[in-house]
Amino acid sequence: MRLKKLDCRNNNFPEQDLSMFSNLVNLEELEVGNDNFNQGIYNRFVGSLKPLQNLSRLERFDIRNTELDSGLEYLPESIKVFKYSADKKKKKGKKLNNI
């Protein structure tokens, strides 16, 4: 069985890049964003989208309210739904606006 959908929104991942997802080439949906900032619990993904360049089946992608700030050119053309926002994340600035 191949993993097609991974939803890990609103967890408490420490600051890191997206390389942990780079080998999941069969993913069709990846959700790593934040829409709930309960008591300082949120994903702290930073850096570039480049680690996802080989996810050629990815169709839905959510990075809302993360600190990702570059690499839009590396996203596969297969993406149909792309959710991003920096509205709720005020602690470190709104790096998503750079994308």
PDB file of N, CA and C in Angstrom:
ATOM      1  N   MET A   1       0.841  -1.185   0.000  1.00  0.00           N
ATOM      2  CA  MET A   1       0.000   0.000   0.000  1.00  0.00           C
ATOM      3  C   MET A   1       0.886   1.248   0.000  1.00  0.00           C
ATOM      4  N   ARG A   2       0.491   2.236  -0.766  1.00  0.00           N
ATOM      5  CA  ARG A   2       1.251   3.482  -0.869  1.00  0.00           C
ATOM      6  C   ARG A   2       0.505   4.588  -0.134  1.00  0.00           C
ATOM      7  N   LEU A   3       1.253   5.366   0.604  1.00  0.00           N
ATOM      8  CA  LEU A   3       0.671   6.495   1.321  1.00  0.00           C
ATOM      9  C   LEU A   3       0.307   7.576   0.317  1.00  0.00           C
ATOM     10  N   LYS A   4      -0.968   7.974   0.310  1.00  0.00           N
ATOM     11  CA  LYS A   4      -1.432   8.977  -0.631  1.00  0.00           C
ATOM     12  C   LYS A   4      -1.787  10.295   0.042  1.00  0.00           C
ATOM     13  N   LYS A   5      -2.177  10.232   1.304  1.00  0.00           N
ATOM     14  CA  LYS A   5      -2.578  11.446   2.013  1.00  0.00           C
ATOM     15  C   LYS A   5      -1.908  11.484   3.375  1.00  0.00           C
ATOM     16  N   LEU A   6      -1.341  12.634   3.709  1.00  0.00           N
ATOM     17  CA  LEU A   6      -0.712  12.824   5.006  1.00  0.00           C
ATOM     18  C   LEU A   6      -1.159  14.168   5.562  1.00  0.00           C
ATOM     19  N   ASP A   7      -1.881  14.121   6.659  1.00  0.00           N
ATOM     20  CA  ASP A   7      -2.376  15.329   7.312  1.00  0.00           C
ATOM     21  C   ASP A   7      -1.734  15.422   8.687  1.00  0.00           C
ATOM     22  N   CYS A   8      -0.781  16.314   8.828  1.00  0.00           N
ATOM     23  CA  CYS A   8      -0.126  16.514  10.123  1.00  0.00           C
ATOM     24  C   CYS A   8      -0.211  17.985  10.527  1.00  0.00           C
ATOM     25  N   ARG A   9      -1.333  18.611  10.173  1.00  0.00           N
ATOM     26  CA  ARG A   9      -1.582  19.996  10.574  1.00  0.00           C
ATOM     27  C   ARG A   9      -1.701  20.093  12.086  1.00  0.00           C
ATOM     28  N   ASN A  10      -1.383  21.284  12.598  1.00  0.00           N
ATOM     29  CA  ASN A  10      -1.642  21.633  13.998  1.00  0.00           C
ATOM     30  C   ASN A  10      -1.000  20.679  15.002  1.00  0.00           C
ATOM     31  N   ASN A  11       0.175  20.198  14.704  1.00  0.00           N
ATOM     32  CA  ASN A  11       0.927  19.397  15.661  1.00  0.00           C
ATOM     33  C   ASN A  11       1.919  20.314  16.356  1.00  0.00           C
ATOM     34  N   ASN A  12       2.978  19.763  16.842  1.00  0.00           N
ATOM     35  CA  ASN A  12       3.977  20.577  17.525  1.00  0.00           C
ATOM     36  C   ASN A  12       5.369  20.197  17.025  1.00  0.00           C
ATOM     37  N   PHE A  13       5.508  20.147  15.695  1.00  0.00           N
ATOM     38  CA  PHE A  13       6.811  19.823  15.127  1.00  0.00           C
ATOM     39  C   PHE A  13       7.802  20.929  15.461  1.00  0.00           C
ATOM     40  N   PRO A  14       9.017  20.569  15.876  1.00  0.00           N
ATOM     41  CA  PRO A  14      10.030  21.596  16.152  1.00  0.00           C
ATOM     42  C   PRO A  14      10.489  22.240  14.846  1.00  0.00           C
ATOM     43  N   GLU A  15      11.241  23.311  14.944  1.00  0.00           N
ATOM     44  CA  GLU A  15      11.723  24.008  13.754  1.00  0.00           C
ATOM     45  C   GLU A  15      12.571  23.077  12.902  1.00  0.00           C
ATOM     46  N   GLN A  16      12.162  22.921  11.645  1.00  0.00           N
ATOM     47  CA  GLN A  16      12.857  22.060  10.689  1.00  0.00           C
ATOM     48  C   GLN A  16      12.354  22.351   9.282  1.00  0.00           C
ATOM     49  N   ASP A  17      13.112  21.869   8.291  1.00  0.00           N
ATOM     50  CA  ASP A  17      12.681  22.060   6.912  1.00  0.00           C
ATOM     51  C   ASP A  17      11.754  20.910   6.507  1.00  0.00           C
ATOM     52  N   LEU A  18      11.391  20.856   5.248  1.00  0.00           N
ATOM     53  CA  LEU A  18      10.442  19.857   4.757  1.00  0.00           C
ATOM     54  C   LEU A  18      11.095  18.570   4.266  1.00  0.00           C
ATOM     55  N   SER A  19      12.383  18.391   4.489  1.00  0.00           N
ATOM     56  CA  SER A  19      13.089  17.230   3.952  1.00  0.00           C
ATOM     57  C   SER A  19      12.530  15.900   4.467  1.00  0.00           C
ATOM     58  N   MET A  20      11.858  15.891   5.605  1.00  0.00           N
ATOM     59  CA  MET A  20      11.291  14.644   6.131  1.00  0.00           C
ATOM     60  C   MET A  20      10.207  14.077   5.206  1.00  0.00           C
ATOM     61  N   PHE A  21       9.690  14.888   4.295  1.00  0.00           N
ATOM     62  CA  PHE A  21       8.645  14.449   3.372  1.00  0.00           C
ATOM     63  C   PHE A  21       9.173  14.144   1.972  1.00  0.00           C
ATOM     64  N   SER A  22      10.427  14.365   1.726  1.00  0.00           N
ATOM     65  CA  SER A  22      10.982  14.299   0.369  1.00  0.00           C
ATOM     66  C   SER A  22      10.905  12.915  -0.275  1.00  0.00           C
ATOM     67  N   ASN A  23      10.877  11.854   0.497  1.00  0.00           N
ATOM     68  CA  ASN A  23      10.823  10.498  -0.070  1.00  0.00           C
ATOM     69  C   ASN A  23       9.403   9.968  -0.239  1.00  0.00           C
ATOM     70  N   LEU A  24       8.419  10.745   0.108  1.00  0.00           N
ATOM     71  CA  LEU A  24       7.027  10.307   0.015  1.00  0.00           C
ATOM     72  C   LEU A  24       6.471  10.660  -1.365  1.00  0.00           C
ATOM     73  N   VAL A  25       7.069  10.098  -2.395  1.00  0.00           N
ATOM     74  CA  VAL A  25       6.801  10.493  -3.778  1.00  0.00           C
ATOM     75  C   VAL A  25       5.415  10.120  -4.284  1.00  0.00           C
ATOM     76  N   ASN A  26       4.693   9.270  -3.574  1.00  0.00           N
ATOM     77  CA  ASN A  26       3.346   8.889  -4.002  1.00  0.00           C
ATOM     78  C   ASN A  26       2.260   9.746  -3.370  1.00  0.00           C
ATOM     79  N   LEU A  27       2.642  10.705  -2.555  1.00  0.00           N
ATOM     80  CA  LEU A  27       1.651  11.555  -1.904  1.00  0.00           C
ATOM     81  C   LEU A  27       0.839  12.343  -2.922  1.00  0.00           C
ATOM     82  N   GLU A  28      -0.461  12.381  -2.691  1.00  0.00           N
ATOM     83  CA  GLU A  28      -1.351  13.217  -3.484  1.00  0.00           C
ATOM     84  C   GLU A  28      -1.820  14.412  -2.660  1.00  0.00           C
ATOM     85  N   GLU A  29      -1.805  14.255  -1.339  1.00  0.00           N
ATOM     86  CA  GLU A  29      -2.199  15.337  -0.430  1.00  0.00           C
ATOM     87  C   GLU A  29      -1.202  15.423   0.722  1.00  0.00           C
ATOM     88  N   LEU A  30      -0.727  16.628   0.988  1.00  0.00           N
ATOM     89  CA  LEU A  30       0.184  16.875   2.106  1.00  0.00           C
ATOM     90  C   LEU A  30      -0.269  18.139   2.808  1.00  0.00           C
ATOM     91  N   GLU A  31      -0.559  18.000   4.094  1.00  0.00           N
ATOM     92  CA  GLU A  31      -1.018  19.133   4.886  1.00  0.00           C
ATOM     93  C   GLU A  31      -0.111  19.272   6.097  1.00  0.00           C
ATOM     94  N   VAL A  32       0.668  20.353   6.125  1.00  0.00           N
ATOM     95  CA  VAL A  32       1.612  20.587   7.226  1.00  0.00           C
ATOM     96  C   VAL A  32       1.387  21.939   7.895  1.00  0.00           C
ATOM     97  N   GLY A  33       0.353  22.640   7.484  1.00  0.00           N
ATOM     98  CA  GLY A  33       0.096  23.984   7.985  1.00  0.00           C
ATOM     99  C   GLY A  33      -0.522  24.035   9.362  1.00  0.00           C
ATOM    100  N   ASN A  34      -0.872  25.241   9.754  1.00  0.00           N
ATOM    101  CA  ASN A  34      -1.469  25.516  11.056  1.00  0.00           C
ATOM    102  C   ASN A  34      -2.705  26.377  10.876  1.00  0.00           C
ATOM    103  N   ASP A  35      -3.774  25.982  11.528  1.00  0.00           N
ATOM    104  CA  ASP A  35      -4.936  26.854  11.568  1.00  0.00           C
ATOM    105  C   ASP A  35      -5.462  26.975  12.994  1.00  0.00           C
ATOM    106  N   ASN A  36      -4.701  26.431  13.919  1.00  0.00           N
ATOM    107  CA  ASN A  36      -5.078  26.481  15.326  1.00  0.00           C
ATOM    108  C   ASN A  36      -3.807  26.692  16.157  1.00  0.00           C
ATOM    109  N   PHE A  37      -3.732  27.785  16.880  1.00  0.00           N
ATOM    110  CA  PHE A  37      -2.550  28.093  17.682  1.00  0.00           C
ATOM    111  C   PHE A  37      -2.882  27.990  19.165  1.00  0.00           C
ATOM    112  N   ASN A  38      -3.242  26.799  19.584  1.00  0.00           N
ATOM    113  CA  ASN A  38      -3.628  26.550  20.963  1.00  0.00           C
ATOM    114  C   ASN A  38      -2.394  26.454  21.855  1.00  0.00           C
ATOM    115  N   GLN A  39      -2.244  27.339  22.798  1.00  0.00           N
ATOM    116  CA  GLN A  39      -1.193  27.296  23.810  1.00  0.00           C
ATOM    117  C   GLN A  39       0.192  27.096  23.221  1.00  0.00           C
ATOM    118  N   GLY A  40       0.479  27.758  22.115  1.00  0.00           N
ATOM    119  CA  GLY A  40       1.808  27.679  21.509  1.00  0.00           C
ATOM    120  C   GLY A  40       2.116  26.379  20.805  1.00  0.00           C
ATOM    121  N   ILE A  41       1.115  25.576  20.525  1.00  0.00           N
ATOM    122  CA  ILE A  41       1.324  24.301  19.829  1.00  0.00           C
ATOM    123  C   ILE A  41       1.032  24.509  18.350  1.00  0.00           C
ATOM    124  N   TYR A  42       2.076  24.440  17.529  1.00  0.00           N
ATOM    125  CA  TYR A  42       1.929  24.591  16.089  1.00  0.00           C
ATOM    126  C   TYR A  42       3.173  24.055  15.400  1.00  0.00           C
ATOM    127  N   ASN A  43       3.058  23.746  14.110  1.00  0.00           N
ATOM    128  CA  ASN A  43       4.184  23.254  13.317  1.00  0.00           C
ATOM    129  C   ASN A  43       5.131  24.398  12.995  1.00  0.00           C
ATOM    130  N   ARG A  44       6.413  24.137  13.096  1.00  0.00           N
ATOM    131  CA  ARG A  44       7.428  25.166  12.859  1.00  0.00           C
ATOM    132  C   ARG A  44       8.294  24.802  11.653  1.00  0.00           C
ATOM    133  N   PHE A  45       7.651  24.643  10.506  1.00  0.00           N
ATOM    134  CA  PHE A  45       8.406  24.346   9.291  1.00  0.00           C
ATOM    135  C   PHE A  45       8.984  25.637   8.723  1.00  0.00           C
ATOM    136  N   VAL A  46      10.249  25.577   8.322  1.00  0.00           N
ATOM    137  CA  VAL A  46      10.976  26.755   7.848  1.00  0.00           C
ATOM    138  C   VAL A  46      11.692  26.450   6.534  1.00  0.00           C
ATOM    139  N   GLY A  47      12.104  27.517   5.864  1.00  0.00           N
ATOM    140  CA  GLY A  47      12.965  27.374   4.701  1.00  0.00           C
ATOM    141  C   GLY A  47      12.229  27.241   3.387  1.00  0.00           C
ATOM    142  N   SER A  48      12.787  26.407   2.534  1.00  0.00           N
ATOM    143  CA  SER A  48      12.350  26.292   1.149  1.00  0.00           C
ATOM    144  C   SER A  48      11.402  25.116   0.918  1.00  0.00           C
ATOM    145  N   LEU A  49      10.669  25.209  -0.177  1.00  0.00           N
ATOM    146  CA  LEU A  49       9.811  24.120  -0.636  1.00  0.00           C
ATOM    147  C   LEU A  49      10.585  23.126  -1.509  1.00  0.00           C
ATOM    148  N   LYS A  50      11.847  23.376  -1.746  1.00  0.00           N
ATOM    149  CA  LYS A  50      12.665  22.543  -2.627  1.00  0.00           C
ATOM    150  C   LYS A  50      12.645  21.049  -2.280  1.00  0.00           C
ATOM    151  N   PRO A  51      12.636  20.645  -0.996  1.00  0.00           N
ATOM    152  CA  PRO A  51      12.613  19.209  -0.703  1.00  0.00           C
ATOM    153  C   PRO A  51      11.416  18.466  -1.292  1.00  0.00           C
ATOM    154  N   LEU A  52      10.407  19.175  -1.747  1.00  0.00           N
ATOM    155  CA  LEU A  52       9.205  18.537  -2.292  1.00  0.00           C
ATOM    156  C   LEU A  52       9.224  18.421  -3.811  1.00  0.00           C
ATOM    157  N   GLN A  53      10.322  18.758  -4.431  1.00  0.00           N
ATOM    158  CA  GLN A  53      10.384  18.815  -5.891  1.00  0.00           C
ATOM    159  C   GLN A  53      10.114  17.472  -6.575  1.00  0.00           C
ATOM    160  N   ASN A  54      10.289  16.346  -5.905  1.00  0.00           N
ATOM    161  CA  ASN A  54      10.060  15.041  -6.527  1.00  0.00           C
ATOM    162  C   ASN A  54       8.688  14.448  -6.216  1.00  0.00           C
ATOM    163  N   LEU A  55       7.832  15.191  -5.556  1.00  0.00           N
ATOM    164  CA  LEU A  55       6.482  14.717  -5.252  1.00  0.00           C
ATOM    165  C   LEU A  55       5.564  15.006  -6.441  1.00  0.00           C
ATOM    166  N   SER A  56       5.801  14.324  -7.522  1.00  0.00           N
ATOM    167  CA  SER A  56       5.150  14.635  -8.801  1.00  0.00           C
ATOM    168  C   SER A  56       3.662  14.305  -8.845  1.00  0.00           C
ATOM    169  N   ARG A  57       3.135  13.618  -7.841  1.00  0.00           N
ATOM    170  CA  ARG A  57       1.714  13.285  -7.799  1.00  0.00           C
ATOM    171  C   ARG A  57       0.929  14.197  -6.863  1.00  0.00           C
ATOM    172  N   LEU A  58       1.610  15.105  -6.227  1.00  0.00           N
ATOM    173  CA  LEU A  58       0.980  15.971  -5.240  1.00  0.00           C
ATOM    174  C   LEU A  58      -0.063  16.873  -5.890  1.00  0.00           C
ATOM    175  N   GLU A  59      -1.294  16.818  -5.381  1.00  0.00           N
ATOM    176  CA  GLU A  59      -2.381  17.622  -5.920  1.00  0.00           C
ATOM    177  C   GLU A  59      -2.900  18.653  -4.928  1.00  0.00           C
ATOM    178  N   ARG A  60      -2.841  18.336  -3.636  1.00  0.00           N
ATOM    179  CA  ARG A  60      -3.332  19.241  -2.591  1.00  0.00           C
ATOM    180  C   ARG A  60      -2.203  19.473  -1.594  1.00  0.00           C
ATOM    181  N   PHE A  61      -1.964  20.752  -1.262  1.00  0.00           N
ATOM    182  CA  PHE A  61      -0.827  21.104  -0.414  1.00  0.00           C
ATOM    183  C   PHE A  61      -1.213  22.272   0.492  1.00  0.00           C
ATOM    184  N   ASP A  62      -0.994  22.103   1.786  1.00  0.00           N
ATOM    185  CA  ASP A  62      -1.361  23.116   2.781  1.00  0.00           C
ATOM    186  C   ASP A  62      -0.146  23.481   3.624  1.00  0.00           C
ATOM    187  N   ILE A  63       0.279  24.746   3.535  1.00  0.00           N
ATOM    188  CA  ILE A  63       1.383  25.238   4.370  1.00  0.00           C
ATOM    189  C   ILE A  63       0.958  26.496   5.129  1.00  0.00           C
ATOM    190  N   ARG A  64      -0.322  26.618   5.412  1.00  0.00           N
ATOM    191  CA  ARG A  64      -0.821  27.820   6.078  1.00  0.00           C
ATOM    192  C   ARG A  64      -0.084  28.086   7.392  1.00  0.00           C
ATOM    193  N   ASN A  65       0.282  29.347   7.574  1.00  0.00           N
ATOM    194  CA  ASN A  65       0.863  29.835   8.822  1.00  0.00           C
ATOM    195  C   ASN A  65       2.098  29.071   9.271  1.00  0.00           C
ATOM    196  N   THR A  66       2.996  28.820   8.317  1.00  0.00           N
ATOM    197  CA  THR A  66       4.307  28.251   8.635  1.00  0.00           C
ATOM    198  C   THR A  66       5.349  29.329   8.348  1.00  0.00           C
ATOM    199  N   GLU A  67       6.612  28.990   8.525  1.00  0.00           N
ATOM    200  CA  GLU A  67       7.701  29.929   8.253  1.00  0.00           C
ATOM    201  C   GLU A  67       8.432  29.580   6.957  1.00  0.00           C
ATOM    202  N   LEU A  68       7.789  28.867   6.056  1.00  0.00           N
ATOM    203  CA  LEU A  68       8.384  28.567   4.753  1.00  0.00           C
ATOM    204  C   LEU A  68       8.450  29.855   3.955  1.00  0.00           C
ATOM    205  N   ASP A  69       9.569  30.086   3.273  1.00  0.00           N
ATOM    206  CA  ASP A  69       9.758  31.401   2.670  1.00  0.00           C
ATOM    207  C   ASP A  69      10.293  31.419   1.244  1.00  0.00           C
ATOM    208  N   SER A  70      10.482  30.259   0.630  1.00  0.00           N
ATOM    209  CA  SER A  70      11.013  30.263  -0.737  1.00  0.00           C
ATOM    210  C   SER A  70      10.785  28.907  -1.403  1.00  0.00           C
ATOM    211  N   GLY A  71      11.072  28.854  -2.690  1.00  0.00           N
ATOM    212  CA  GLY A  71      11.050  27.603  -3.422  1.00  0.00           C
ATOM    213  C   GLY A  71       9.770  27.273  -4.155  1.00  0.00           C
ATOM    214  N   LEU A  72       8.931  28.252  -4.370  1.00  0.00           N
ATOM    215  CA  LEU A  72       7.681  28.006  -5.081  1.00  0.00           C
ATOM    216  C   LEU A  72       7.934  27.354  -6.443  1.00  0.00           C
ATOM    217  N   GLU A  73       9.041  27.693  -7.066  1.00  0.00           N
ATOM    218  CA  GLU A  73       9.374  27.153  -8.384  1.00  0.00           C
ATOM    219  C   GLU A  73       9.633  25.644  -8.362  1.00  0.00           C
ATOM    220  N   TYR A  74       9.849  25.061  -7.182  1.00  0.00           N
ATOM    221  CA  TYR A  74      10.122  23.631  -7.073  1.00  0.00           C
ATOM    222  C   TYR A  74       8.859  22.786  -6.912  1.00  0.00           C
ATOM    223  N   LEU A  75       7.732  23.412  -6.692  1.00  0.00           N
ATOM    224  CA  LEU A  75       6.508  22.647  -6.519  1.00  0.00           C
ATOM    225  C   LEU A  75       6.101  22.000  -7.839  1.00  0.00           C
ATOM    226  N   PRO A  76       5.613  20.769  -7.783  1.00  0.00           N
ATOM    227  CA  PRO A  76       5.219  20.083  -9.019  1.00  0.00           C
ATOM    228  C   PRO A  76       4.003  20.733  -9.678  1.00  0.00           C
ATOM    229  N   GLU A  77       3.921  20.611 -10.968  1.00  0.00           N
ATOM    230  CA  GLU A  77       2.804  21.180 -11.729  1.00  0.00           C
ATOM    231  C   GLU A  77       1.490  20.460 -11.455  1.00  0.00           C
ATOM    232  N   SER A  78       1.550  19.317 -10.805  1.00  0.00           N
ATOM    233  CA  SER A  78       0.347  18.536 -10.511  1.00  0.00           C
ATOM    234  C   SER A  78      -0.541  19.174  -9.443  1.00  0.00           C
ATOM    235  N   ILE A  79      -0.039  20.164  -8.718  1.00  0.00           N
ATOM    236  CA  ILE A  79      -0.800  20.777  -7.628  1.00  0.00           C
ATOM    237  C   ILE A  79      -2.016  21.522  -8.169  1.00  0.00           C
ATOM    238  N   LYS A  80      -3.179  21.165  -7.614  1.00  0.00           N
ATOM    239  CA  LYS A  80      -4.434  21.804  -7.990  1.00  0.00           C
ATOM    240  C   LYS A  80      -4.966  22.708  -6.879  1.00  0.00           C
ATOM    241  N   VAL A  81      -4.671  22.352  -5.619  1.00  0.00           N
ATOM    242  CA  VAL A  81      -5.113  23.133  -4.463  1.00  0.00           C
ATOM    243  C   VAL A  81      -3.896  23.445  -3.611  1.00  0.00           C
ATOM    244  N   PHE A  82      -3.627  24.739  -3.423  1.00  0.00           N
ATOM    245  CA  PHE A  82      -2.467  25.187  -2.652  1.00  0.00           C
ATOM    246  C   PHE A  82      -2.959  26.175  -1.608  1.00  0.00           C
ATOM    247  N   LYS A  83      -2.883  25.779  -0.328  1.00  0.00           N
ATOM    248  CA  LYS A  83      -3.354  26.637   0.754  1.00  0.00           C
ATOM    249  C   LYS A  83      -2.158  27.227   1.485  1.00  0.00           C
ATOM    250  N   TYR A  84      -2.091  28.542   1.507  1.00  0.00           N
ATOM    251  CA  TYR A  84      -1.047  29.226   2.247  1.00  0.00           C
ATOM    252  C   TYR A  84      -1.611  30.523   2.801  1.00  0.00           C
ATOM    253  N   SER A  85      -1.067  30.934   3.910  1.00  0.00           N
ATOM    254  CA  SER A  85      -1.522  32.148   4.570  1.00  0.00           C
ATOM    255  C   SER A  85      -0.546  32.470   5.685  1.00  0.00           C
ATOM    256  N   ALA A  86      -0.483  33.718   6.037  1.00  0.00           N
ATOM    257  CA  ALA A  86       0.342  34.128   7.178  1.00  0.00           C
ATOM    258  C   ALA A  86      -0.480  34.980   8.125  1.00  0.00           C
ATOM    259  N   ASP A  87      -1.780  34.886   8.025  1.00  0.00           N
ATOM    260  CA  ASP A  87      -2.670  35.744   8.800  1.00  0.00           C
ATOM    261  C   ASP A  87      -2.574  35.564  10.303  1.00  0.00           C
ATOM    262  N   LYS A  88      -2.521  34.327  10.776  1.00  0.00           N
ATOM    263  CA  LYS A  88      -2.573  34.074  12.207  1.00  0.00           C
ATOM    264  C   LYS A  88      -1.200  34.009  12.858  1.00  0.00           C
ATOM    265  N   LYS A  89      -0.164  33.806  12.089  1.00  0.00           N
ATOM    266  CA  LYS A  89       1.180  33.635  12.634  1.00  0.00           C
ATOM    267  C   LYS A  89       1.826  34.992  12.787  1.00  0.00           C
ATOM    268  N   LYS A  90       1.958  35.470  13.996  1.00  0.00           N
ATOM    269  CA  LYS A  90       2.497  36.800  14.216  1.00  0.00           C
ATOM    270  C   LYS A  90       3.809  36.785  14.986  1.00  0.00           C
ATOM    271  N   LYS A  91       4.172  35.662  15.549  1.00  0.00           N
ATOM    272  CA  LYS A  91       5.332  35.583  16.426  1.00  0.00           C
ATOM    273  C   LYS A  91       6.650  35.940  15.746  1.00  0.00           C
ATOM    274  N   LYS A  92       6.945  35.343  14.581  1.00  0.00           N
ATOM    275  CA  LYS A  92       8.240  35.529  13.937  1.00  0.00           C
ATOM    276  C   LYS A  92       8.162  36.343  12.657  1.00  0.00           C
ATOM    277  N   GLY A  93       7.045  36.910  12.368  1.00  0.00           N
ATOM    278  CA  GLY A  93       6.905  37.620  11.107  1.00  0.00           C
ATOM    279  C   GLY A  93       6.171  36.772  10.098  1.00  0.00           C
ATOM    280  N   LYS A  94       5.934  37.338   8.974  1.00  0.00           N
ATOM    281  CA  LYS A  94       5.115  36.655   7.967  1.00  0.00           C
ATOM    282  C   LYS A  94       5.970  36.297   6.760  1.00  0.00           C
ATOM    283  N   LYS A  95       6.803  35.295   6.902  1.00  0.00           N
ATOM    284  CA  LYS A  95       7.693  34.907   5.826  1.00  0.00           C
ATOM    285  C   LYS A  95       6.951  34.373   4.608  1.00  0.00           C
ATOM    286  N   LEU A  96       5.783  33.814   4.789  1.00  0.00           N
ATOM    287  CA  LEU A  96       5.034  33.299   3.646  1.00  0.00           C
ATOM    288  C   LEU A  96       4.714  34.403   2.655  1.00  0.00           C
ATOM    289  N   ASN A  97       4.677  35.617   3.104  1.00  0.00           N
ATOM    290  CA  ASN A  97       4.428  36.723   2.185  1.00  0.00           C
ATOM    291  C   ASN A  97       5.538  36.841   1.168  1.00  0.00           C
ATOM    292  N   ASN A  98       6.738  36.308   1.474  1.00  0.00           N
ATOM    293  CA  ASN A  98       7.862  36.329   0.526  1.00  0.00           C
ATOM    294  C   ASN A  98       7.627  35.417  -0.659  1.00  0.00           C
ATOM    295  N   ILE A  99       6.839  34.372  -0.454  1.00  0.00           N
ATOM    296  CA  ILE A  99       6.549  33.437  -1.541  1.00  0.00           C
ATOM    297  C   ILE A  99       5.603  34.105  -2.474  1.00  0.00           C
TER     298      ILE A  99
END
